Amino acid sequence: MSKMTARLLQLSIGMAIAVLALSPASCCASTAALPWDQTLIVLQDALITYIAPTAIGLALSGVILLYVLGGRDRQAGDCSGLRSAAASRSSSSSC
């Protein structure tokens, strides 16, 4: 066997081993459930059920508070953006 034929045989055997080793059947991802799936599902349920509605409620409460204070308090009005652009330019207070 010549050196070229031996090298070609080694290369083809190496490629066959690499293809067989990296086949999807031997991969953990080919199974139905991954080890971290349950943890991610619990986190997703917590975000959807408790955290997202709380964050939305706090954001809306903050906006309502700024809106209510915007008419009476000059700095809150500046922060909420309810004052006109001309009045904002003439005032020296900022948030």
C-alpha atoms as a PDB file:
ATOM      1  CA  MET A   1       0.000   0.000   0.000  1.00  0.00           C
ATOM      2  CA  SER A   2       1.389   3.346  -0.953  1.00  0.00           C
ATOM      3  CA  LYS A   3       1.596   6.329   1.375  1.00  0.00           C
ATOM      4  CA  MET A   4      -1.179   8.130  -0.496  1.00  0.00           C
ATOM      5  CA  THR A   5      -3.563   5.169  -0.210  1.00  0.00           C
ATOM      6  CA  ALA A   6      -2.761   4.740   3.500  1.00  0.00           C
ATOM      7  CA  ARG A   7      -3.352   8.439   4.130  1.00  0.00           C
ATOM      8  CA  LEU A   8      -6.666   8.326   2.230  1.00  0.00           C
ATOM      9  CA  LEU A   9      -7.754   5.275   4.239  1.00  0.00           C
ATOM     10  CA  GLN A  10      -6.875   6.990   7.534  1.00  0.00           C
ATOM     11  CA  LEU A  11      -8.729  10.114   6.489  1.00  0.00           C
ATOM     12  CA  SER A  12     -11.853   8.205   5.465  1.00  0.00           C
ATOM     13  CA  ILE A  13     -11.860   6.192   8.702  1.00  0.00           C
ATOM     14  CA  GLY A  14     -11.397   9.389  10.721  1.00  0.00           C
ATOM     15  CA  MET A  15     -14.284  11.065   8.899  1.00  0.00           C
ATOM     16  CA  ALA A  16     -16.523   8.028   9.446  1.00  0.00           C
ATOM     17  CA  ILE A  17     -15.756   8.060  13.183  1.00  0.00           C
ATOM     18  CA  ALA A  18     -16.416  11.798  13.388  1.00  0.00           C
ATOM     19  CA  VAL A  19     -19.754  11.490  11.572  1.00  0.00           C
ATOM     20  CA  LEU A  20     -20.857   8.584  13.762  1.00  0.00           C
ATOM     21  CA  ALA A  21     -19.758  10.326  16.961  1.00  0.00           C
ATOM     22  CA  LEU A  22     -21.602  13.538  16.093  1.00  0.00           C
ATOM     23  CA  SER A  23     -24.792  11.919  14.876  1.00  0.00           C
ATOM     24  CA  PRO A  24     -28.026  13.262  16.414  1.00  0.00           C
ATOM     25  CA  ALA A  25     -28.980   9.880  17.822  1.00  0.00           C
ATOM     26  CA  SER A  26     -26.170  10.025  20.357  1.00  0.00           C
ATOM     27  CA  CYS A  27     -26.838  13.633  21.313  1.00  0.00           C
ATOM     28  CA  CYS A  28     -28.683  14.581  24.510  1.00  0.00           C
ATOM     29  CA  ALA A  29     -30.832  17.072  22.585  1.00  0.00           C
ATOM     30  CA  SER A  30     -32.454  14.295  20.574  1.00  0.00           C
ATOM     31  CA  THR A  31     -34.378  13.115  23.633  1.00  0.00           C
ATOM     32  CA  ALA A  32     -37.817  14.550  24.385  1.00  0.00           C
ATOM     33  CA  ALA A  33     -36.942  16.367  27.634  1.00  0.00           C
ATOM     34  CA  LEU A  34     -33.727  18.119  28.515  1.00  0.00           C
ATOM     35  CA  PRO A  35     -32.499  18.254  32.123  1.00  0.00           C
ATOM     36  CA  TRP A  36     -33.156  21.977  32.493  1.00  0.00           C
ATOM     37  CA  ASP A  37     -36.625  22.009  30.883  1.00  0.00           C
ATOM     38  CA  GLN A  38     -38.498  21.696  34.176  1.00  0.00           C
ATOM     39  CA  THR A  39     -36.583  24.606  35.726  1.00  0.00           C
ATOM     40  CA  LEU A  40     -37.254  26.830  32.721  1.00  0.00           C
ATOM     41  CA  ILE A  41     -40.957  25.940  32.748  1.00  0.00           C
ATOM     42  CA  VAL A  42     -41.217  26.863  36.448  1.00  0.00           C
ATOM     43  CA  LEU A  43     -39.478  30.201  35.806  1.00  0.00           C
ATOM     44  CA  GLN A  44     -41.732  30.912  32.839  1.00  0.00           C
ATOM     45  CA  ASP A  45     -44.843  30.160  34.875  1.00  0.00           C
ATOM     46  CA  ALA A  46     -43.646  32.433  37.694  1.00  0.00           C
ATOM     47  CA  LEU A  47     -42.982  35.271  35.250  1.00  0.00           C
ATOM     48  CA  ILE A  48     -46.366  34.935  33.576  1.00  0.00           C
ATOM     49  CA  THR A  49     -48.386  34.402  36.744  1.00  0.00           C
ATOM     50  CA  TYR A  50     -46.863  36.709  39.364  1.00  0.00           C
ATOM     51  CA  ILE A  51     -44.018  38.927  38.190  1.00  0.00           C
ATOM     52  CA  ALA A  52     -45.353  40.380  34.913  1.00  0.00           C
ATOM     53  CA  PRO A  53     -48.726  41.550  36.299  1.00  0.00           C
ATOM     54  CA  THR A  54     -46.983  43.063  39.339  1.00  0.00           C
ATOM     55  CA  ALA A  55     -44.498  44.942  37.149  1.00  0.00           C
ATOM     56  CA  ILE A  56     -47.293  46.203  34.887  1.00  0.00           C
ATOM     57  CA  GLY A  57     -49.313  47.333  37.908  1.00  0.00           C
ATOM     58  CA  LEU A  58     -46.347  49.180  39.407  1.00  0.00           C
ATOM     59  CA  ALA A  59     -45.569  50.868  36.099  1.00  0.00           C
ATOM     60  CA  LEU A  60     -49.162  51.993  35.640  1.00  0.00           C
ATOM     61  CA  SER A  61     -49.322  53.210  39.240  1.00  0.00           C
ATOM     62  CA  GLY A  62     -46.170  55.243  38.703  1.00  0.00           C
ATOM     63  CA  VAL A  63     -47.526  56.767  35.513  1.00  0.00           C
ATOM     64  CA  ILE A  64     -50.825  57.648  37.190  1.00  0.00           C
ATOM     65  CA  LEU A  65     -48.979  59.164  40.140  1.00  0.00           C
ATOM     66  CA  LEU A  66     -46.819  61.293  37.853  1.00  0.00           C
ATOM     67  CA  TYR A  67     -49.885  62.327  35.865  1.00  0.00           C
ATOM     68  CA  VAL A  68     -51.775  63.348  38.979  1.00  0.00           C
ATOM     69  CA  LEU A  69     -48.815  65.225  40.415  1.00  0.00           C
ATOM     70  CA  GLY A  70     -47.953  66.727  37.043  1.00  0.00           C
ATOM     71  CA  GLY A  71     -50.590  69.415  37.276  1.00  0.00           C
ATOM     72  CA  ARG A  72     -49.712  70.496  40.825  1.00  0.00           C
ATOM     73  CA  ASP A  73     -45.995  69.923  41.176  1.00  0.00           C
ATOM     74  CA  ARG A  74     -43.607  71.601  38.760  1.00  0.00           C
ATOM     75  CA  GLN A  75     -40.827  69.011  38.965  1.00  0.00           C
ATOM     76  CA  ALA A  76     -43.226  66.082  38.594  1.00  0.00           C
ATOM     77  CA  GLY A  77     -44.719  67.834  35.592  1.00  0.00           C
ATOM     78  CA  ASP A  78     -41.267  68.147  34.076  1.00  0.00           C
ATOM     79  CA  CYS A  79     -40.518  64.481  34.732  1.00  0.00           C
ATOM     80  CA  SER A  80     -43.791  63.258  33.289  1.00  0.00           C
ATOM     81  CA  GLY A  81     -43.428  65.325  30.121  1.00  0.00           C
ATOM     82  CA  LEU A  82     -46.845  66.946  30.527  1.00  0.00           C
ATOM     83  CA  ARG A  83     -45.602  70.497  30.252  1.00  0.00           C
ATOM     84  CA  SER A  84     -45.259  72.106  26.872  1.00  0.00           C
ATOM     85  CA  ALA A  85     -41.884  72.310  25.190  1.00  0.00           C
ATOM     86  CA  ALA A  86     -41.813  76.103  25.410  1.00  0.00           C
ATOM     87  CA  ALA A  87     -42.511  76.085  29.153  1.00  0.00           C
ATOM     88  CA  SER A  88     -39.871  73.402  29.694  1.00  0.00           C
ATOM     89  CA  ARG A  89     -37.228  75.398  27.867  1.00  0.00           C
ATOM     90  CA  SER A  90     -37.883  78.478  29.963  1.00  0.00           C
ATOM     91  CA  SER A  91     -37.705  76.636  33.307  1.00  0.00           C
ATOM     92  CA  SER A  92     -34.410  75.842  34.919  1.00  0.00           C
ATOM     93  CA  SER A  93     -35.478  72.772  36.918  1.00  0.00           C
ATOM     94  CA  SER A  94     -34.729  69.314  35.605  1.00  0.00           C
ATOM     95  CA  CYS A  95     -35.246  65.734  36.742  1.00  0.00           C
END
